[in-house]
Amino acid sequence: MCDLFKNKGIRNNKLLSLSGKDTLEVCKRGAIIVDVREEYLNSYKMFGVDKVIYLPKSRFEKDYKTLPMDEFLVIADSAGLKSSEAAHFLLRNGFEKGSKPCRRNG
């Protein structure tokens, strides 16, 4: 496995739960945040990283195929409940892991 996530977070089955600090670190090295909060929730507090895809949970199952399968994705929301559901959905639909090599720029 790519070392992008080495020594990061807590593994729970096939998912890795990351702290805010770990999320920032992996995003600096190429991971993309997928924000599943609804628009009225994400408009008041944005994630401070370069690459964010906004795909609200209410549209997630319909539009998930627009997500890049060849990138490392960090699924995020306010409390972790909707992001966990979304991450499990992605695993069931072929998003096992990114296939791009890790970037070594950070």
N, C-alpha and C. Protein backbone atom coordinates (compact mmCIF):
# COMPACT_ATOMS: atom_id res chain seq x y z
N MET A 1 0.84 -1.19 0.00
CA MET A 1 0.00 0.00 0.00
C MET A 1 0.88 1.24 0.00
N CYS A 2 0.40 2.23 -0.61
CA CYS A 2 1.07 3.52 -0.66
C CYS A 2 1.31 4.04 0.75
N ASP A 3 2.40 4.75 0.97
CA ASP A 3 2.70 5.24 2.31
C ASP A 3 2.00 6.57 2.63
N LEU A 4 1.12 7.02 1.76
CA LEU A 4 0.38 8.26 2.01
C LEU A 4 -0.34 8.21 3.36
N PHE A 5 -0.86 7.05 3.72
CA PHE A 5 -1.64 6.90 4.95
C PHE A 5 -0.89 6.15 6.05
N LYS A 6 0.41 5.89 5.84
CA LYS A 6 1.20 5.16 6.83
C LYS A 6 1.22 5.92 8.16
N ASN A 7 0.95 5.20 9.23
CA ASN A 7 0.93 5.76 10.60
C ASN A 7 -0.11 6.87 10.76
N LYS A 8 -1.20 6.78 10.02
CA LYS A 8 -2.26 7.79 10.10
C LYS A 8 -3.55 7.11 10.53
N GLY A 9 -4.30 7.78 11.38
CA GLY A 9 -5.65 7.38 11.72
C GLY A 9 -5.81 6.05 12.42
N ILE A 10 -7.08 5.63 12.49
CA ILE A 10 -7.47 4.38 13.13
C ILE A 10 -8.21 3.54 12.10
N ARG A 11 -7.77 2.31 11.89
CA ARG A 11 -8.40 1.43 10.91
C ARG A 11 -9.59 0.74 11.55
N ASN A 12 -10.72 0.75 10.82
CA ASN A 12 -11.94 0.07 11.23
C ASN A 12 -12.45 -0.69 10.02
N ASN A 13 -12.19 -2.00 9.98
CA ASN A 13 -12.47 -2.82 8.80
C ASN A 13 -11.69 -2.24 7.62
N LYS A 14 -12.37 -1.88 6.54
CA LYS A 14 -11.67 -1.36 5.36
C LYS A 14 -11.55 0.15 5.36
N LEU A 15 -12.08 0.81 6.38
CA LEU A 15 -12.03 2.27 6.44
C LEU A 15 -10.95 2.74 7.39
N LEU A 16 -10.42 3.92 7.10
CA LEU A 16 -9.43 4.55 7.96
C LEU A 16 -10.00 5.88 8.42
N SER A 17 -10.16 6.05 9.72
CA SER A 17 -10.65 7.31 10.27
C SER A 17 -9.47 8.20 10.58
N LEU A 18 -9.48 9.41 10.04
CA LEU A 18 -8.36 10.33 10.19
C LEU A 18 -8.73 11.50 11.10
N SER A 19 -7.74 11.98 11.83
CA SER A 19 -7.91 13.22 12.60
C SER A 19 -7.84 14.39 11.62
N GLY A 20 -8.19 15.56 12.08
CA GLY A 20 -8.07 16.76 11.24
C GLY A 20 -6.63 16.99 10.80
N LYS A 21 -5.70 16.79 11.72
CA LYS A 21 -4.28 16.99 11.40
C LYS A 21 -3.81 16.00 10.34
N ASP A 22 -4.17 14.72 10.51
CA ASP A 22 -3.79 13.71 9.52
C ASP A 22 -4.43 13.99 8.16
N THR A 23 -5.66 14.47 8.17
CA THR A 23 -6.35 14.80 6.92
C THR A 23 -5.60 15.90 6.18
N LEU A 24 -5.20 16.94 6.90
CA LEU A 24 -4.43 18.02 6.26
C LEU A 24 -3.13 17.49 5.66
N GLU A 25 -2.46 16.61 6.38
CA GLU A 25 -1.19 16.07 5.90
C GLU A 25 -1.37 15.26 4.62
N VAL A 26 -2.38 14.38 4.57
CA VAL A 26 -2.56 13.56 3.37
C VAL A 26 -3.07 14.40 2.20
N CYS A 27 -3.82 15.46 2.49
CA CYS A 27 -4.27 16.34 1.43
C CYS A 27 -3.11 17.13 0.83
N LYS A 28 -2.14 17.50 1.65
CA LYS A 28 -0.95 18.19 1.14
C LYS A 28 -0.15 17.28 0.22
N ARG A 29 -0.33 15.97 0.38
CA ARG A 29 0.41 14.99 -0.43
C ARG A 29 -0.44 14.42 -1.57
N GLY A 30 -1.63 15.00 -1.79
CA GLY A 30 -2.38 14.61 -2.98
C GLY A 30 -3.78 14.06 -2.78
N ALA A 31 -4.16 13.72 -1.56
CA ALA A 31 -5.52 13.20 -1.35
C ALA A 31 -6.54 14.32 -1.57
N ILE A 32 -7.74 13.93 -1.92
CA ILE A 32 -8.83 14.87 -2.17
C ILE A 32 -9.93 14.66 -1.14
N ILE A 33 -10.41 15.74 -0.55
CA ILE A 33 -11.55 15.65 0.36
C ILE A 33 -12.83 15.64 -0.46
N VAL A 34 -13.72 14.71 -0.13
CA VAL A 34 -15.06 14.69 -0.68
C VAL A 34 -15.99 15.08 0.47
N ASP A 35 -16.53 16.29 0.39
CA ASP A 35 -17.39 16.84 1.44
C ASP A 35 -18.83 16.42 1.15
N VAL A 36 -19.40 15.59 2.03
CA VAL A 36 -20.76 15.07 1.81
C VAL A 36 -21.81 15.86 2.59
N ARG A 37 -21.40 16.99 3.19
CA ARG A 37 -22.39 17.81 3.90
C ARG A 37 -23.32 18.48 2.89
N GLU A 38 -24.53 18.72 3.33
CA GLU A 38 -25.48 19.47 2.49
C GLU A 38 -24.99 20.91 2.37
N GLU A 39 -25.40 21.59 1.32
CA GLU A 39 -24.91 22.94 1.04
C GLU A 39 -25.13 23.90 2.20
N TYR A 40 -26.27 23.81 2.86
CA TYR A 40 -26.54 24.73 3.97
C TYR A 40 -25.62 24.48 5.16
N LEU A 41 -24.99 23.32 5.21
CA LEU A 41 -24.04 23.02 6.29
C LEU A 41 -22.60 23.35 5.91
N ASN A 42 -22.25 23.22 4.63
CA ASN A 42 -20.85 23.47 4.27
C ASN A 42 -20.57 24.92 3.95
N SER A 43 -21.59 25.74 3.84
CA SER A 43 -21.36 27.14 3.47
C SER A 43 -20.79 27.98 4.62
N TYR A 44 -20.97 27.53 5.84
CA TYR A 44 -20.47 28.33 6.96
C TYR A 44 -19.05 27.95 7.38
N LYS A 45 -18.60 26.75 7.05
CA LYS A 45 -17.24 26.34 7.41
C LYS A 45 -16.70 25.44 6.31
N MET A 46 -15.68 25.95 5.62
CA MET A 46 -15.10 25.23 4.50
C MET A 46 -13.83 24.50 4.95
N PHE A 47 -13.48 23.45 4.22
CA PHE A 47 -12.23 22.75 4.48
C PHE A 47 -11.09 23.58 3.89
N GLY A 48 -10.02 23.75 4.63
CA GLY A 48 -8.91 24.59 4.19
C GLY A 48 -7.84 23.84 3.41
N VAL A 49 -8.23 23.16 2.35
CA VAL A 49 -7.28 22.44 1.51
C VAL A 49 -7.54 22.83 0.05
N ASP A 50 -6.58 22.52 -0.81
CA ASP A 50 -6.69 22.89 -2.22
C ASP A 50 -7.73 22.10 -2.99
N LYS A 51 -7.81 20.80 -2.72
CA LYS A 51 -8.68 19.93 -3.51
C LYS A 51 -9.86 19.44 -2.67
N VAL A 52 -11.04 19.97 -2.99
CA VAL A 52 -12.27 19.54 -2.32
C VAL A 52 -13.34 19.33 -3.39
N ILE A 53 -14.03 18.22 -3.28
CA ILE A 53 -15.18 17.95 -4.14
C ILE A 53 -16.41 18.00 -3.25
N TYR A 54 -17.37 18.82 -3.61
CA TYR A 54 -18.61 18.92 -2.83
C TYR A 54 -19.65 18.02 -3.49
N LEU A 55 -20.05 16.98 -2.77
CA LEU A 55 -21.07 16.05 -3.26
C LEU A 55 -21.96 15.69 -2.07
N PRO A 56 -23.03 16.47 -1.86
CA PRO A 56 -23.91 16.24 -0.71
C PRO A 56 -24.45 14.82 -0.66
N LYS A 57 -24.61 14.31 0.54
CA LYS A 57 -25.11 12.95 0.75
C LYS A 57 -26.44 12.73 0.06
N SER A 58 -27.27 13.76 -0.03
CA SER A 58 -28.58 13.62 -0.68
C SER A 58 -28.46 13.31 -2.17
N ARG A 59 -27.32 13.62 -2.79
CA ARG A 59 -27.09 13.34 -4.21
C ARG A 59 -26.03 12.27 -4.42
N PHE A 60 -25.47 11.78 -3.34
CA PHE A 60 -24.29 10.93 -3.41
C PHE A 60 -24.50 9.67 -4.24
N GLU A 61 -25.53 8.90 -3.96
CA GLU A 61 -25.74 7.64 -4.66
C GLU A 61 -26.05 7.85 -6.13
N LYS A 62 -26.60 8.99 -6.47
CA LYS A 62 -26.91 9.30 -7.86
C LYS A 62 -25.67 9.76 -8.63
N ASP A 63 -24.80 10.54 -7.97
CA ASP A 63 -23.68 11.21 -8.65
C ASP A 63 -22.29 10.68 -8.28
N TYR A 64 -22.20 9.60 -7.53
CA TYR A 64 -20.89 9.13 -7.06
C TYR A 64 -19.94 8.78 -8.21
N LYS A 65 -20.48 8.43 -9.36
CA LYS A 65 -19.63 8.04 -10.49
C LYS A 65 -18.82 9.22 -11.04
N THR A 66 -19.13 10.43 -10.61
CA THR A 66 -18.34 11.59 -11.03
C THR A 66 -17.04 11.70 -10.24
N LEU A 67 -16.90 10.92 -9.17
CA LEU A 67 -15.69 10.96 -8.35
C LEU A 67 -14.55 10.23 -9.07
N PRO A 68 -13.33 10.73 -8.92
CA PRO A 68 -12.18 10.07 -9.56
C PRO A 68 -11.83 8.76 -8.85
N MET A 69 -11.82 7.67 -9.59
CA MET A 69 -11.47 6.37 -9.01
C MET A 69 -9.96 6.18 -8.87
N ASP A 70 -9.18 7.02 -9.52
CA ASP A 70 -7.73 6.86 -9.52
C ASP A 70 -7.03 7.82 -8.56
N GLU A 71 -7.79 8.40 -7.66
CA GLU A 71 -7.22 9.32 -6.66
C GLU A 71 -7.53 8.79 -5.27
N PHE A 72 -6.76 9.23 -4.29
CA PHE A 72 -7.05 8.91 -2.90
C PHE A 72 -8.07 9.91 -2.39
N LEU A 73 -9.20 9.40 -1.89
CA LEU A 73 -10.29 10.25 -1.44
C LEU A 73 -10.44 10.17 0.07
N VAL A 74 -10.69 11.32 0.70
CA VAL A 74 -11.01 11.40 2.11
C VAL A 74 -12.45 11.90 2.19
N ILE A 75 -13.36 11.04 2.63
CA ILE A 75 -14.77 11.39 2.70
C ILE A 75 -15.01 12.07 4.04
N ALA A 76 -15.62 13.27 4.01
CA ALA A 76 -15.73 14.07 5.24
C ALA A 76 -17.11 14.70 5.37
N ASP A 77 -17.50 14.90 6.63
CA ASP A 77 -18.71 15.65 6.97
C ASP A 77 -18.50 16.26 8.35
N SER A 78 -19.56 16.74 8.96
CA SER A 78 -19.43 17.41 10.25
C SER A 78 -19.16 16.45 11.40
N ALA A 79 -19.87 15.32 11.44
CA ALA A 79 -19.78 14.42 12.59
C ALA A 79 -19.24 13.04 12.26
N GLY A 80 -19.10 12.69 11.01
CA GLY A 80 -18.58 11.39 10.64
C GLY A 80 -19.62 10.34 10.31
N LEU A 81 -20.88 10.61 10.56
CA LEU A 81 -21.92 9.61 10.30
C LEU A 81 -22.21 9.46 8.81
N LYS A 82 -22.47 10.57 8.15
CA LYS A 82 -22.78 10.51 6.72
C LYS A 82 -21.55 10.14 5.90
N SER A 83 -20.38 10.58 6.34
CA SER A 83 -19.16 10.24 5.61
C SER A 83 -18.88 8.74 5.70
N SER A 84 -19.16 8.13 6.84
CA SER A 84 -18.97 6.70 6.99
C SER A 84 -19.91 5.94 6.06
N GLU A 85 -21.17 6.35 6.01
CA GLU A 85 -22.13 5.72 5.10
C GLU A 85 -21.67 5.86 3.65
N ALA A 86 -21.21 7.05 3.28
CA ALA A 86 -20.76 7.31 1.92
C ALA A 86 -19.52 6.47 1.59
N ALA A 87 -18.59 6.37 2.52
CA ALA A 87 -17.37 5.59 2.29
C ALA A 87 -17.70 4.11 2.10
N HIS A 88 -18.60 3.57 2.91
CA HIS A 88 -19.01 2.17 2.75
C HIS A 88 -19.70 1.97 1.40
N PHE A 89 -20.51 2.93 0.99
CA PHE A 89 -21.17 2.87 -0.31
C PHE A 89 -20.12 2.81 -1.43
N LEU A 90 -19.09 3.66 -1.34
CA LEU A 90 -18.03 3.65 -2.36
C LEU A 90 -17.31 2.30 -2.40
N LEU A 91 -17.03 1.73 -1.23
CA LEU A 91 -16.37 0.42 -1.19
C LEU A 91 -17.21 -0.64 -1.88
N ARG A 92 -18.51 -0.60 -1.66
CA ARG A 92 -19.41 -1.57 -2.29
C ARG A 92 -19.50 -1.37 -3.81
N ASN A 93 -19.11 -0.19 -4.27
CA ASN A 93 -19.23 0.14 -5.68
C ASN A 93 -17.89 0.31 -6.39
N GLY A 94 -16.88 -0.40 -5.92
CA GLY A 94 -15.62 -0.47 -6.65
C GLY A 94 -14.55 0.53 -6.31
N PHE A 95 -14.76 1.38 -5.32
CA PHE A 95 -13.73 2.36 -4.93
C PHE A 95 -12.89 1.75 -3.82
N GLU A 96 -12.11 0.75 -4.15
CA GLU A 96 -11.29 0.08 -3.14
C GLU A 96 -10.15 0.96 -2.64
N LYS A 97 -9.40 1.52 -3.55
CA LYS A 97 -8.29 2.41 -3.21
C LYS A 97 -7.82 3.08 -4.48
N GLY A 98 -7.12 4.17 -4.31
CA GLY A 98 -6.60 4.86 -5.49
C GLY A 98 -5.53 4.03 -6.17
N SER A 99 -5.43 4.18 -7.46
CA SER A 99 -4.41 3.42 -8.19
C SER A 99 -3.21 4.27 -8.58
N LYS A 100 -3.30 5.58 -8.30
CA LYS A 100 -2.16 6.44 -8.62
C LYS A 100 -1.07 6.27 -7.57
N PRO A 101 0.18 6.37 -7.96
CA PRO A 101 1.25 6.31 -6.96
C PRO A 101 1.22 7.54 -6.07
N CYS A 102 1.69 7.38 -4.86
CA CYS A 102 1.71 8.51 -3.93
C CYS A 102 2.64 9.60 -4.44
N ARG A 103 2.28 10.82 -4.16
CA ARG A 103 3.15 11.94 -4.47
C ARG A 103 4.12 12.12 -3.33
N ARG A 104 5.31 12.49 -3.63
CA ARG A 104 6.33 12.63 -2.58
C ARG A 104 6.70 14.10 -2.40
N ASN A 105 5.73 14.98 -2.52
CA ASN A 105 6.03 16.41 -2.49
C ASN A 105 5.63 17.07 -1.19
N GLY A 106 5.59 16.37 -0.11
CA GLY A 106 5.17 17.07 1.09
C GLY A 106 5.53 16.45 2.32
